[in-house]
Amino acid sequence: MTGNELAKDHIRYMVGGHAPYDVKERVYSLQFPERPGALLKFLMALGSQWNISLFHYRNHGAAFGKVLIGLQLGDAESVHFEQCLNALQLVYRRETDNPAYRLFAGGASA
């Protein structure tokens, strides 16, 4: 885990462990702009169509913060969510299969 960016940026600061069952969670890391209204714009773009199951924010005093977000999504919904991220011009990476997430935070069947 020494070279795992997800472990260094997020997982080591989180508590709670595994969900007691498979919650069908998809996890993404985002570079989130540090400017007034950015979080509200992001949440308004998401709307109420998806359930956010995990949200971890880290600010390093830079022009962007680092966000780890988990959502309960099916395959088709994942495509739509990624289209939303692209429309917002956010830099993101899918982390659902990241070993740090799977080992420390993934659902029970992970």
PDB file of N, CA and C in Angstrom:
ATOM      1  N   MET A   1       0.805  -1.195   0.000  1.00  0.00           N
ATOM      2  CA  MET A   1       0.000   0.000   0.000  1.00  0.00           C
ATOM      3  C   MET A   1       0.856   1.271   0.000  1.00  0.00           C
ATOM      4  N   THR A   2       2.170   1.131   0.136  1.00  0.00           N
ATOM      5  CA  THR A   2       3.049   2.286   0.223  1.00  0.00           C
ATOM      6  C   THR A   2       2.921   3.208  -0.985  1.00  0.00           C
ATOM      7  N   GLY A   3       2.796   2.656  -2.187  1.00  0.00           N
ATOM      8  CA  GLY A   3       2.695   3.471  -3.390  1.00  0.00           C
ATOM      9  C   GLY A   3       1.268   3.714  -3.861  1.00  0.00           C
ATOM     10  N   ASN A   4       0.288   3.321  -3.079  1.00  0.00           N
ATOM     11  CA  ASN A   4      -1.110   3.447  -3.481  1.00  0.00           C
ATOM     12  C   ASN A   4      -1.631   4.833  -3.102  1.00  0.00           C
ATOM     13  N   GLU A   5      -1.883   5.675  -4.107  1.00  0.00           N
ATOM     14  CA  GLU A   5      -2.317   7.048  -3.864  1.00  0.00           C
ATOM     15  C   GLU A   5      -3.646   7.118  -3.120  1.00  0.00           C
ATOM     16  N   LEU A   6      -4.568   6.218  -3.429  1.00  0.00           N
ATOM     17  CA  LEU A   6      -5.860   6.211  -2.740  1.00  0.00           C
ATOM     18  C   LEU A   6      -5.671   5.938  -1.252  1.00  0.00           C
ATOM     19  N   ALA A   7      -4.808   5.008  -0.930  1.00  0.00           N
ATOM     20  CA  ALA A   7      -4.532   4.699   0.476  1.00  0.00           C
ATOM     21  C   ALA A   7      -3.922   5.900   1.183  1.00  0.00           C
ATOM     22  N   LYS A   8      -2.980   6.593   0.531  1.00  0.00           N
ATOM     23  CA  LYS A   8      -2.313   7.739   1.150  1.00  0.00           C
ATOM     24  C   LYS A   8      -3.232   8.950   1.273  1.00  0.00           C
ATOM     25  N   ASP A   9      -4.068   9.198   0.269  1.00  0.00           N
ATOM     26  CA  ASP A   9      -4.904  10.402   0.254  1.00  0.00           C
ATOM     27  C   ASP A   9      -6.205  10.256   1.035  1.00  0.00           C
ATOM     28  N   HIS A  10      -6.766   9.057   1.094  1.00  0.00           N
ATOM     29  CA  HIS A  10      -8.100   8.923   1.679  1.00  0.00           C
ATOM     30  C   HIS A  10      -8.237   7.797   2.702  1.00  0.00           C
ATOM     31  N   ILE A  11      -7.924   6.577   2.311  1.00  0.00           N
ATOM     32  CA  ILE A  11      -8.262   5.415   3.124  1.00  0.00           C
ATOM     33  C   ILE A  11      -7.663   5.495   4.527  1.00  0.00           C
ATOM     34  N   ARG A  12      -6.449   5.983   4.662  1.00  0.00           N
ATOM     35  CA  ARG A  12      -5.829   6.018   5.988  1.00  0.00           C
ATOM     36  C   ARG A  12      -6.516   6.978   6.948  1.00  0.00           C
ATOM     37  N   TYR A  13      -7.352   7.889   6.431  1.00  0.00           N
ATOM     38  CA  TYR A  13      -8.060   8.846   7.278  1.00  0.00           C
ATOM     39  C   TYR A  13      -9.501   8.428   7.580  1.00  0.00           C
ATOM     40  N   MET A  14      -9.942   7.352   6.996  1.00  0.00           N
ATOM     41  CA  MET A  14     -11.344   6.953   7.114  1.00  0.00           C
ATOM     42  C   MET A  14     -11.525   5.887   8.195  1.00  0.00           C
ATOM     43  N   VAL A  15     -12.717   5.873   8.791  1.00  0.00           N
ATOM     44  CA  VAL A  15     -13.071   4.868   9.784  1.00  0.00           C
ATOM     45  C   VAL A  15     -14.387   4.229   9.374  1.00  0.00           C
ATOM     46  N   GLY A  16     -14.688   3.095   9.920  1.00  0.00           N
ATOM     47  CA  GLY A  16     -15.981   2.475   9.662  1.00  0.00           C
ATOM     48  C   GLY A  16     -15.868   1.080   9.099  1.00  0.00           C
ATOM     49  N   GLY A  17     -14.899   0.829   8.275  1.00  0.00           N
ATOM     50  CA  GLY A  17     -14.697  -0.501   7.737  1.00  0.00           C
ATOM     51  C   GLY A  17     -15.665  -0.871   6.631  1.00  0.00           C
ATOM     52  N   HIS A  18     -15.861  -2.161   6.472  1.00  0.00           N
ATOM     53  CA  HIS A  18     -16.683  -2.710   5.396  1.00  0.00           C
ATOM     54  C   HIS A  18     -18.166  -2.554   5.692  1.00  0.00           C
ATOM     55  N   ALA A  19     -18.944  -2.384   4.626  1.00  0.00           N
ATOM     56  CA  ALA A  19     -20.398  -2.460   4.750  1.00  0.00           C
ATOM     57  C   ALA A  19     -20.746  -3.910   5.094  1.00  0.00           C
ATOM     58  N   PRO A  20     -21.817  -4.125   5.852  1.00  0.00           N
ATOM     59  CA  PRO A  20     -22.162  -5.489   6.259  1.00  0.00           C
ATOM     60  C   PRO A  20     -22.674  -6.369   5.116  1.00  0.00           C
ATOM     61  N   TYR A  21     -22.919  -5.774   3.958  1.00  0.00           N
ATOM     62  CA  TYR A  21     -23.401  -6.509   2.791  1.00  0.00           C
ATOM     63  C   TYR A  21     -22.937  -5.771   1.544  1.00  0.00           C
ATOM     64  N   ASP A  22     -23.092  -6.378   0.393  1.00  0.00           N
ATOM     65  CA  ASP A  22     -22.692  -5.763  -0.866  1.00  0.00           C
ATOM     66  C   ASP A  22     -23.667  -4.633  -1.202  1.00  0.00           C
ATOM     67  N   VAL A  23     -23.193  -3.391  -1.180  1.00  0.00           N
ATOM     68  CA  VAL A  23     -24.062  -2.233  -1.418  1.00  0.00           C
ATOM     69  C   VAL A  23     -24.017  -1.762  -2.867  1.00  0.00           C
ATOM     70  N   LYS A  24     -23.370  -2.536  -3.751  1.00  0.00           N
ATOM     71  CA  LYS A  24     -23.264  -2.167  -5.175  1.00  0.00           C
ATOM     72  C   LYS A  24     -22.653  -0.766  -5.325  1.00  0.00           C
ATOM     73  N   GLU A  25     -21.584  -0.535  -4.591  1.00  0.00           N
ATOM     74  CA  GLU A  25     -20.956   0.777  -4.559  1.00  0.00           C
ATOM     75  C   GLU A  25     -19.910   0.907  -5.661  1.00  0.00           C
ATOM     76  N   ARG A  26     -19.943   2.036  -6.366  1.00  0.00           N
ATOM     77  CA  ARG A  26     -18.899   2.406  -7.328  1.00  0.00           C
ATOM     78  C   ARG A  26     -18.160   3.589  -6.718  1.00  0.00           C
ATOM     79  N   VAL A  27     -16.849   3.533  -6.740  1.00  0.00           N
ATOM     80  CA  VAL A  27     -16.038   4.545  -6.062  1.00  0.00           C
ATOM     81  C   VAL A  27     -15.173   5.281  -7.078  1.00  0.00           C
ATOM     82  N   TYR A  28     -15.112   6.601  -6.916  1.00  0.00           N
ATOM     83  CA  TYR A  28     -14.341   7.473  -7.798  1.00  0.00           C
ATOM     84  C   TYR A  28     -13.520   8.441  -6.962  1.00  0.00           C
ATOM     85  N   SER A  29     -12.315   8.752  -7.432  1.00  0.00           N
ATOM     86  CA  SER A  29     -11.556   9.859  -6.857  1.00  0.00           C
ATOM     87  C   SER A  29     -11.671  11.019  -7.842  1.00  0.00           C
ATOM     88  N   LEU A  30     -11.867  12.208  -7.288  1.00  0.00           N
ATOM     89  CA  LEU A  30     -12.056  13.414  -8.099  1.00  0.00           C
ATOM     90  C   LEU A  30     -11.091  14.495  -7.666  1.00  0.00           C
ATOM     91  N   GLN A  31     -10.684  15.324  -8.610  1.00  0.00           N
ATOM     92  CA  GLN A  31     -10.022  16.575  -8.272  1.00  0.00           C
ATOM     93  C   GLN A  31     -11.117  17.625  -8.298  1.00  0.00           C
ATOM     94  N   PHE A  32     -11.362  18.227  -7.144  1.00  0.00           N
ATOM     95  CA  PHE A  32     -12.487  19.117  -6.974  1.00  0.00           C
ATOM     96  C   PHE A  32     -11.998  20.558  -6.877  1.00  0.00           C
ATOM     97  N   PRO A  33     -12.511  21.474  -7.706  1.00  0.00           N
ATOM     98  CA  PRO A  33     -12.013  22.852  -7.694  1.00  0.00           C
ATOM     99  C   PRO A  33     -12.280  23.557  -6.369  1.00  0.00           C
ATOM    100  N   GLU A  34     -11.303  24.320  -5.910  1.00  0.00           N
ATOM    101  CA  GLU A  34     -11.440  25.103  -4.686  1.00  0.00           C
ATOM    102  C   GLU A  34     -11.906  26.507  -5.046  1.00  0.00           C
ATOM    103  N   ARG A  35     -13.220  26.668  -5.187  1.00  0.00           N
ATOM    104  CA  ARG A  35     -13.779  27.990  -5.435  1.00  0.00           C
ATOM    105  C   ARG A  35     -15.187  28.035  -4.863  1.00  0.00           C
ATOM    106  N   PRO A  36     -15.649  29.216  -4.507  1.00  0.00           N
ATOM    107  CA  PRO A  36     -16.977  29.334  -3.907  1.00  0.00           C
ATOM    108  C   PRO A  36     -18.065  28.744  -4.802  1.00  0.00           C
ATOM    109  N   GLY A  37     -18.941  27.961  -4.200  1.00  0.00           N
ATOM    110  CA  GLY A  37     -20.062  27.386  -4.925  1.00  0.00           C
ATOM    111  C   GLY A  37     -19.765  26.101  -5.661  1.00  0.00           C
ATOM    112  N   ALA A  38     -18.534  25.631  -5.643  1.00  0.00           N
ATOM    113  CA  ALA A  38     -18.168  24.427  -6.410  1.00  0.00           C
ATOM    114  C   ALA A  38     -18.904  23.191  -5.898  1.00  0.00           C
ATOM    115  N   LEU A  39     -18.988  23.029  -4.580  1.00  0.00           N
ATOM    116  CA  LEU A  39     -19.683  21.868  -4.032  1.00  0.00           C
ATOM    117  C   LEU A  39     -21.176  21.927  -4.362  1.00  0.00           C
ATOM    118  N   LEU A  40     -21.778  23.091  -4.227  1.00  0.00           N
ATOM    119  CA  LEU A  40     -23.197  23.239  -4.550  1.00  0.00           C
ATOM    120  C   LEU A  40     -23.453  22.931  -6.025  1.00  0.00           C
ATOM    121  N   LYS A  41     -22.597  23.428  -6.917  1.00  0.00           N
ATOM    122  CA  LYS A  41     -22.739  23.142  -8.352  1.00  0.00           C
ATOM    123  C   LYS A  41     -22.660  21.638  -8.612  1.00  0.00           C
ATOM    124  N   PHE A  42     -21.717  20.980  -7.959  1.00  0.00           N
ATOM    125  CA  PHE A  42     -21.549  19.537  -8.109  1.00  0.00           C
ATOM    126  C   PHE A  42     -22.796  18.795  -7.631  1.00  0.00           C
ATOM    127  N   LEU A  43     -23.277  19.127  -6.438  1.00  0.00           N
ATOM    128  CA  LEU A  43     -24.444  18.443  -5.889  1.00  0.00           C
ATOM    129  C   LEU A  43     -25.703  18.722  -6.702  1.00  0.00           C
ATOM    130  N   MET A  44     -25.843  19.924  -7.217  1.00  0.00           N
ATOM    131  CA  MET A  44     -27.002  20.249  -8.051  1.00  0.00           C
ATOM    132  C   MET A  44     -26.948  19.454  -9.359  1.00  0.00           C
ATOM    133  N   ALA A  45     -25.757  19.267  -9.911  1.00  0.00           N
ATOM    134  CA  ALA A  45     -25.616  18.482 -11.141  1.00  0.00           C
ATOM    135  C   ALA A  45     -25.968  17.018 -10.896  1.00  0.00           C
ATOM    136  N   LEU A  46     -25.614  16.512  -9.716  1.00  0.00           N
ATOM    137  CA  LEU A  46     -25.945  15.129  -9.381  1.00  0.00           C
ATOM    138  C   LEU A  46     -27.439  14.966  -9.155  1.00  0.00           C
ATOM    139  N   GLY A  47     -28.059  15.977  -8.566  1.00  0.00           N
ATOM    140  CA  GLY A  47     -29.485  15.886  -8.270  1.00  0.00           C
ATOM    141  C   GLY A  47     -29.750  14.835  -7.209  1.00  0.00           C
ATOM    142  N   SER A  48     -30.930  14.284  -7.238  1.00  0.00           N
ATOM    143  CA  SER A  48     -31.304  13.279  -6.237  1.00  0.00           C
ATOM    144  C   SER A  48     -31.439  11.897  -6.870  1.00  0.00           C
ATOM    145  N   GLN A  49     -30.839  11.719  -8.035  1.00  0.00           N
ATOM    146  CA  GLN A  49     -31.006  10.456  -8.749  1.00  0.00           C
ATOM    147  C   GLN A  49     -30.097   9.333  -8.264  1.00  0.00           C
ATOM    148  N   TRP A  50     -29.027   9.681  -7.537  1.00  0.00           N
ATOM    149  CA  TRP A  50     -28.099   8.658  -7.063  1.00  0.00           C
ATOM    150  C   TRP A  50     -27.909   8.774  -5.558  1.00  0.00           C
ATOM    151  N   ASN A  51     -27.688   7.629  -4.914  1.00  0.00           N
ATOM    152  CA  ASN A  51     -27.426   7.603  -3.484  1.00  0.00           C
ATOM    153  C   ASN A  51     -25.920   7.667  -3.253  1.00  0.00           C
ATOM    154  N   ILE A  52     -25.468   8.708  -2.573  1.00  0.00           N
ATOM    155  CA  ILE A  52     -24.054   8.839  -2.219  1.00  0.00           C
ATOM    156  C   ILE A  52     -23.832   8.019  -0.955  1.00  0.00           C
ATOM    157  N   SER A  53     -22.991   7.009  -1.061  1.00  0.00           N
ATOM    158  CA  SER A  53     -22.748   6.106   0.064  1.00  0.00           C
ATOM    159  C   SER A  53     -21.430   6.396   0.780  1.00  0.00           C
ATOM    160  N   LEU A  54     -20.570   7.194   0.167  1.00  0.00           N
ATOM    161  CA  LEU A  54     -19.278   7.525   0.754  1.00  0.00           C
ATOM    162  C   LEU A  54     -18.866   8.886   0.216  1.00  0.00           C
ATOM    163  N   PHE A  55     -18.361   9.749   1.076  1.00  0.00           N
ATOM    164  CA  PHE A  55     -17.837  11.041   0.623  1.00  0.00           C
ATOM    165  C   PHE A  55     -16.716  11.436   1.566  1.00  0.00           C
ATOM    166  N   HIS A  56     -15.519  11.569   1.035  1.00  0.00           N
ATOM    167  CA  HIS A  56     -14.357  11.982   1.824  1.00  0.00           C
ATOM    168  C   HIS A  56     -13.633  13.080   1.068  1.00  0.00           C
ATOM    169  N   TYR A  57     -13.396  14.200   1.737  1.00  0.00           N
ATOM    170  CA  TYR A  57     -12.803  15.383   1.119  1.00  0.00           C
ATOM    171  C   TYR A  57     -11.484  15.714   1.801  1.00  0.00           C
ATOM    172  N   ARG A  58     -10.471  16.007   0.995  1.00  0.00           N
ATOM    173  CA  ARG A  58      -9.167  16.426   1.522  1.00  0.00           C
ATOM    174  C   ARG A  58      -8.721  17.689   0.798  1.00  0.00           C
ATOM    175  N   ASN A  59      -8.370  18.703   1.565  1.00  0.00           N
ATOM    176  CA  ASN A  59      -7.865  19.947   1.000  1.00  0.00           C
ATOM    177  C   ASN A  59      -6.391  20.069   1.376  1.00  0.00           C
ATOM    178  N   HIS A  60      -5.569  20.344   0.394  1.00  0.00           N
ATOM    179  CA  HIS A  60      -4.135  20.500   0.630  1.00  0.00           C
ATOM    180  C   HIS A  60      -3.695  21.944   0.445  1.00  0.00           C
ATOM    181  N   GLY A  61      -4.641  22.886   0.408  1.00  0.00           N
ATOM    182  CA  GLY A  61      -4.306  24.287   0.206  1.00  0.00           C
ATOM    183  C   GLY A  61      -3.968  24.614  -1.238  1.00  0.00           C
ATOM    184  N   ALA A  62      -4.335  23.741  -2.143  1.00  0.00           N
ATOM    185  CA  ALA A  62      -4.038  23.940  -3.563  1.00  0.00           C
ATOM    186  C   ALA A  62      -5.277  24.489  -4.268  1.00  0.00           C
ATOM    187  N   ALA A  63      -5.218  24.553  -5.575  1.00  0.00           N
ATOM    188  CA  ALA A  63      -6.342  25.042  -6.379  1.00  0.00           C
ATOM    189  C   ALA A  63      -7.464  24.015  -6.449  1.00  0.00           C
ATOM    190  N   PHE A  64      -7.189  22.794  -5.970  1.00  0.00           N
ATOM    191  CA  PHE A  64      -8.219  21.758  -5.970  1.00  0.00           C
ATOM    192  C   PHE A  64      -8.094  20.926  -4.705  1.00  0.00           C
ATOM    193  N   GLY A  65      -9.210  20.347  -4.306  1.00  0.00           N
ATOM    194  CA  GLY A  65      -9.238  19.391  -3.215  1.00  0.00           C
ATOM    195  C   GLY A  65      -9.363  17.999  -3.803  1.00  0.00           C
ATOM    196  N   LYS A  66      -9.143  17.022  -2.982  1.00  0.00           N
ATOM    197  CA  LYS A  66      -9.272  15.638  -3.424  1.00  0.00           C
ATOM    198  C   LYS A  66     -10.502  15.041  -2.766  1.00  0.00           C
ATOM    199  N   VAL A  67     -11.359  14.448  -3.574  1.00  0.00           N
ATOM    200  CA  VAL A  67     -12.604  13.862  -3.096  1.00  0.00           C
ATOM    201  C   VAL A  67     -12.625  12.383  -3.457  1.00  0.00           C
ATOM    202  N   LEU A  68     -13.042  11.572  -2.505  1.00  0.00           N
ATOM    203  CA  LEU A  68     -13.343  10.173  -2.759  1.00  0.00           C
ATOM    204  C   LEU A  68     -14.847  10.049  -2.568  1.00  0.00           C
ATOM    205  N   ILE A  69     -15.537   9.602  -3.599  1.00  0.00           N
ATOM    206  CA  ILE A  69     -16.988   9.487  -3.535  1.00  0.00           C
ATOM    207  C   ILE A  69     -17.415   8.091  -3.942  1.00  0.00           C
ATOM    208  N   GLY A  70     -18.343   7.540  -3.187  1.00  0.00           N
ATOM    209  CA  GLY A  70     -18.939   6.258  -3.507  1.00  0.00           C
ATOM    210  C   GLY A  70     -20.420   6.461  -3.753  1.00  0.00           C
ATOM    211  N   LEU A  71     -20.931   5.813  -4.779  1.00  0.00           N
ATOM    212  CA  LEU A  71     -22.354   5.892  -5.106  1.00  0.00           C
ATOM    213  C   LEU A  71     -22.880   4.495  -5.370  1.00  0.00           C
ATOM    214  N   GLN A  72     -24.140   4.297  -5.080  1.00  0.00           N
ATOM    215  CA  GLN A  72     -24.777   3.027  -5.387  1.00  0.00           C
ATOM    216  C   GLN A  72     -25.313   3.129  -6.806  1.00  0.00           C
ATOM    217  N   LEU A  73     -24.581   2.496  -7.750  1.00  0.00           N
ATOM    218  CA  LEU A  73     -24.876   2.616  -9.173  1.00  0.00           C
ATOM    219  C   LEU A  73     -24.882   1.261  -9.862  1.00  0.00           C
ATOM    220  N   GLY A  74     -25.754   1.116 -10.836  1.00  0.00           N
ATOM    221  CA  GLY A  74     -25.695  -0.020 -11.745  1.00  0.00           C
ATOM    222  C   GLY A  74     -24.773   0.327 -12.906  1.00  0.00           C
ATOM    223  N   ASP A  75     -24.583  -0.595 -13.841  1.00  0.00           N
ATOM    224  CA  ASP A  75     -23.684  -0.355 -14.970  1.00  0.00           C
ATOM    225  C   ASP A  75     -24.122   0.834 -15.814  1.00  0.00           C
ATOM    226  N   ALA A  76     -25.404   0.895 -16.188  1.00  0.00           N
ATOM    227  CA  ALA A  76     -25.907   1.991 -17.019  1.00  0.00           C
ATOM    228  C   ALA A  76     -25.812   3.316 -16.271  1.00  0.00           C
ATOM    229  N   GLU A  77     -26.066   3.276 -14.975  1.00  0.00           N
ATOM    230  CA  GLU A  77     -25.986   4.500 -14.178  1.00  0.00           C
ATOM    231  C   GLU A  77     -24.550   4.995 -14.065  1.00  0.00           C
ATOM    232  N   SER A  78     -23.598   4.082 -14.048  1.00  0.00           N
ATOM    233  CA  SER A  78     -22.186   4.481 -13.996  1.00  0.00           C
ATOM    234  C   SER A  78     -21.814   5.299 -15.222  1.00  0.00           C
ATOM    235  N   VAL A  79     -22.293   4.877 -16.378  1.00  0.00           N
ATOM    236  CA  VAL A  79     -22.022   5.611 -17.620  1.00  0.00           C
ATOM    237  C   VAL A  79     -22.610   7.014 -17.519  1.00  0.00           C
ATOM    238  N   HIS A  80     -23.842   7.108 -17.044  1.00  0.00           N
ATOM    239  CA  HIS A  80     -24.505   8.407 -16.915  1.00  0.00           C
ATOM    240  C   HIS A  80     -23.779   9.294 -15.896  1.00  0.00           C
ATOM    241  N   PHE A  81     -23.334   8.705 -14.780  1.00  0.00           N
ATOM    242  CA  PHE A  81     -22.595   9.466 -13.772  1.00  0.00           C
ATOM    243  C   PHE A  81     -21.280   9.995 -14.351  1.00  0.00           C
ATOM    244  N   GLU A  82     -20.566   9.175 -15.096  1.00  0.00           N
ATOM    245  CA  GLU A  82     -19.308   9.622 -15.700  1.00  0.00           C
ATOM    246  C   GLU A  82     -19.558  10.712 -16.737  1.00  0.00           C
ATOM    247  N   GLN A  83     -20.673  10.655 -17.444  1.00  0.00           N
ATOM    248  CA  GLN A  83     -21.038  11.741 -18.371  1.00  0.00           C
ATOM    249  C   GLN A  83     -21.251  13.037 -17.598  1.00  0.00           C
ATOM    250  N   CYS A  84     -21.857  12.932 -16.423  1.00  0.00           N
ATOM    251  CA  CYS A  84     -22.064  14.094 -15.560  1.00  0.00           C
ATOM    252  C   CYS A  84     -20.713  14.681 -15.121  1.00  0.00           C
ATOM    253  N   LEU A  85     -19.784  13.819 -14.718  1.00  0.00           N
ATOM    254  CA  LEU A  85     -18.450  14.289 -14.323  1.00  0.00           C
ATOM    255  C   LEU A  85     -17.739  14.963 -15.486  1.00  0.00           C
ATOM    256  N   ASN A  86     -17.868  14.388 -16.681  1.00  0.00           N
ATOM    257  CA  ASN A  86     -17.248  14.981 -17.867  1.00  0.00           C
ATOM    258  C   ASN A  86     -17.862  16.336 -18.186  1.00  0.00           C
ATOM    259  N   ALA A  87     -19.185  16.457 -18.054  1.00  0.00           N
ATOM    260  CA  ALA A  87     -19.862  17.735 -18.316  1.00  0.00           C
ATOM    261  C   ALA A  87     -19.398  18.810 -17.334  1.00  0.00           C
ATOM    262  N   LEU A  88     -19.095  18.406 -16.097  1.00  0.00           N
ATOM    263  CA  LEU A  88     -18.586  19.343 -15.092  1.00  0.00           C
ATOM    264  C   LEU A  88     -17.084  19.597 -15.255  1.00  0.00           C
ATOM    265  N   GLN A  89     -16.461  18.891 -16.193  1.00  0.00           N
ATOM    266  CA  GLN A  89     -15.023  18.995 -16.478  1.00  0.00           C
ATOM    267  C   GLN A  89     -14.169  18.676 -15.252  1.00  0.00           C
ATOM    268  N   LEU A  90     -14.575  17.638 -14.527  1.00  0.00           N
ATOM    269  CA  LEU A  90     -13.813  17.198 -13.366  1.00  0.00           C
ATOM    270  C   LEU A  90     -12.843  16.097 -13.770  1.00  0.00           C
ATOM    271  N   VAL A  91     -11.649  16.141 -13.216  1.00  0.00           N
ATOM    272  CA  VAL A  91     -10.676  15.079 -13.398  1.00  0.00           C
ATOM    273  C   VAL A  91     -11.047  13.977 -12.419  1.00  0.00           C
ATOM    274  N   TYR A  92     -11.222  12.747 -12.913  1.00  0.00           N
ATOM    275  CA  TYR A  92     -11.642  11.657 -12.038  1.00  0.00           C
ATOM    276  C   TYR A  92     -10.991  10.347 -12.454  1.00  0.00           C
ATOM    277  N   ARG A  93     -11.048   9.385 -11.523  1.00  0.00           N
ATOM    278  CA  ARG A  93     -10.548   8.043 -11.793  1.00  0.00           C
ATOM    279  C   ARG A  93     -11.451   7.059 -11.048  1.00  0.00           C
ATOM    280  N   ARG A  94     -11.828   5.992 -11.711  1.00  0.00           N
ATOM    281  CA  ARG A  94     -12.597   4.930 -11.047  1.00  0.00           C
ATOM    282  C   ARG A  94     -11.685   4.199 -10.081  1.00  0.00           C
ATOM    283  N   GLU A  95     -12.150   4.014  -8.845  1.00  0.00           N
ATOM    284  CA  GLU A  95     -11.328   3.393  -7.808  1.00  0.00           C
ATOM    285  C   GLU A  95     -11.965   2.130  -7.221  1.00  0.00           C
ATOM    286  N   THR A  96     -13.080   1.686  -7.770  1.00  0.00           N
ATOM    287  CA  THR A  96     -13.802   0.548  -7.209  1.00  0.00           C
ATOM    288  C   THR A  96     -12.919  -0.692  -7.094  1.00  0.00           C
ATOM    289  N   ASP A  97     -12.026  -0.899  -8.038  1.00  0.00           N
ATOM    290  CA  ASP A  97     -11.164  -2.078  -8.015  1.00  0.00           C
ATOM    291  C   ASP A  97      -9.808  -1.824  -7.366  1.00  0.00           C
ATOM    292  N   ASN A  98      -9.628  -0.641  -6.793  1.00  0.00           N
ATOM    293  CA  ASN A  98      -8.367  -0.317  -6.137  1.00  0.00           C
ATOM    294  C   ASN A  98      -8.184  -1.245  -4.925  1.00  0.00           C
ATOM    295  N   PRO A  99      -7.014  -1.860  -4.789  1.00  0.00           N
ATOM    296  CA  PRO A  99      -6.790  -2.801  -3.677  1.00  0.00           C
ATOM    297  C   PRO A  99      -7.009  -2.180  -2.290  1.00  0.00           C
ATOM    298  N   ALA A 100      -6.672  -0.916  -2.111  1.00  0.00           N
ATOM    299  CA  ALA A 100      -6.871  -0.272  -0.805  1.00  0.00           C
ATOM    300  C   ALA A 100      -8.355  -0.163  -0.477  1.00  0.00           C
ATOM    301  N   TYR A 101      -9.149   0.228  -1.449  1.00  0.00           N
ATOM    302  CA  TYR A 101     -10.595   0.303  -1.230  1.00  0.00           C
ATOM    303  C   TYR A 101     -11.144  -1.095  -0.945  1.00  0.00           C
ATOM    304  N   ARG A 102     -10.784  -2.059  -1.773  1.00  0.00           N
ATOM    305  CA  ARG A 102     -11.322  -3.422  -1.628  1.00  0.00           C
ATOM    306  C   ARG A 102     -10.956  -4.012  -0.255  1.00  0.00           C
ATOM    307  N   LEU A 103      -9.739  -3.767   0.191  1.00  0.00           N
ATOM    308  CA  LEU A 103      -9.268  -4.354   1.435  1.00  0.00           C
ATOM    309  C   LEU A 103      -9.879  -3.687   2.677  1.00  0.00           C
ATOM    310  N   PHE A 104     -10.017  -2.355   2.652  1.00  0.00           N
ATOM    311  CA  PHE A 104     -10.404  -1.642   3.865  1.00  0.00           C
ATOM    312  C   PHE A 104     -11.820  -1.091   3.899  1.00  0.00           C
ATOM    313  N   ALA A 105     -12.472  -0.916   2.753  1.00  0.00           N
ATOM    314  CA  ALA A 105     -13.762  -0.233   2.773  1.00  0.00           C
ATOM    315  C   ALA A 105     -14.842  -0.872   1.909  1.00  0.00           C
ATOM    316  N   GLY A 106     -14.498  -1.764   1.004  1.00  0.00           N
ATOM    317  CA  GLY A 106     -15.492  -2.335   0.095  1.00  0.00           C
ATOM    318  C   GLY A 106     -16.574  -3.112   0.813  1.00  0.00           C
ATOM    319  N   GLY A 107     -17.704  -3.337   0.131  1.00  0.00           N
ATOM    320  CA  GLY A 107     -18.799  -4.116   0.700  1.00  0.00           C
ATOM    321  C   GLY A 107     -18.363  -5.518   1.075  1.00  0.00           C
ATOM    322  N   ALA A 108     -19.173  -6.208   1.827  1.00  0.00           N
ATOM    323  CA  ALA A 108     -18.828  -7.517   2.390  1.00  0.00           C
ATOM    324  C   ALA A 108     -18.413  -8.537   1.338  1.00  0.00           C
ATOM    325  N   SER A 109     -18.963  -8.422   0.120  1.00  0.00           N
ATOM    326  CA  SER A 109     -18.569  -9.388  -0.910  1.00  0.00           C
ATOM    327  C   SER A 109     -17.338  -8.934  -1.686  1.00  0.00           C
ATOM    328  N   ALA A 110     -16.789  -7.777  -1.317  1.00  0.00           N
ATOM    329  CA  ALA A 110     -15.618  -7.232  -2.020  1.00  0.00           C
ATOM    330  C   ALA A 110     -14.390  -8.058  -1.750  1.00  0.00           C
TER     331      ALA A 110
END
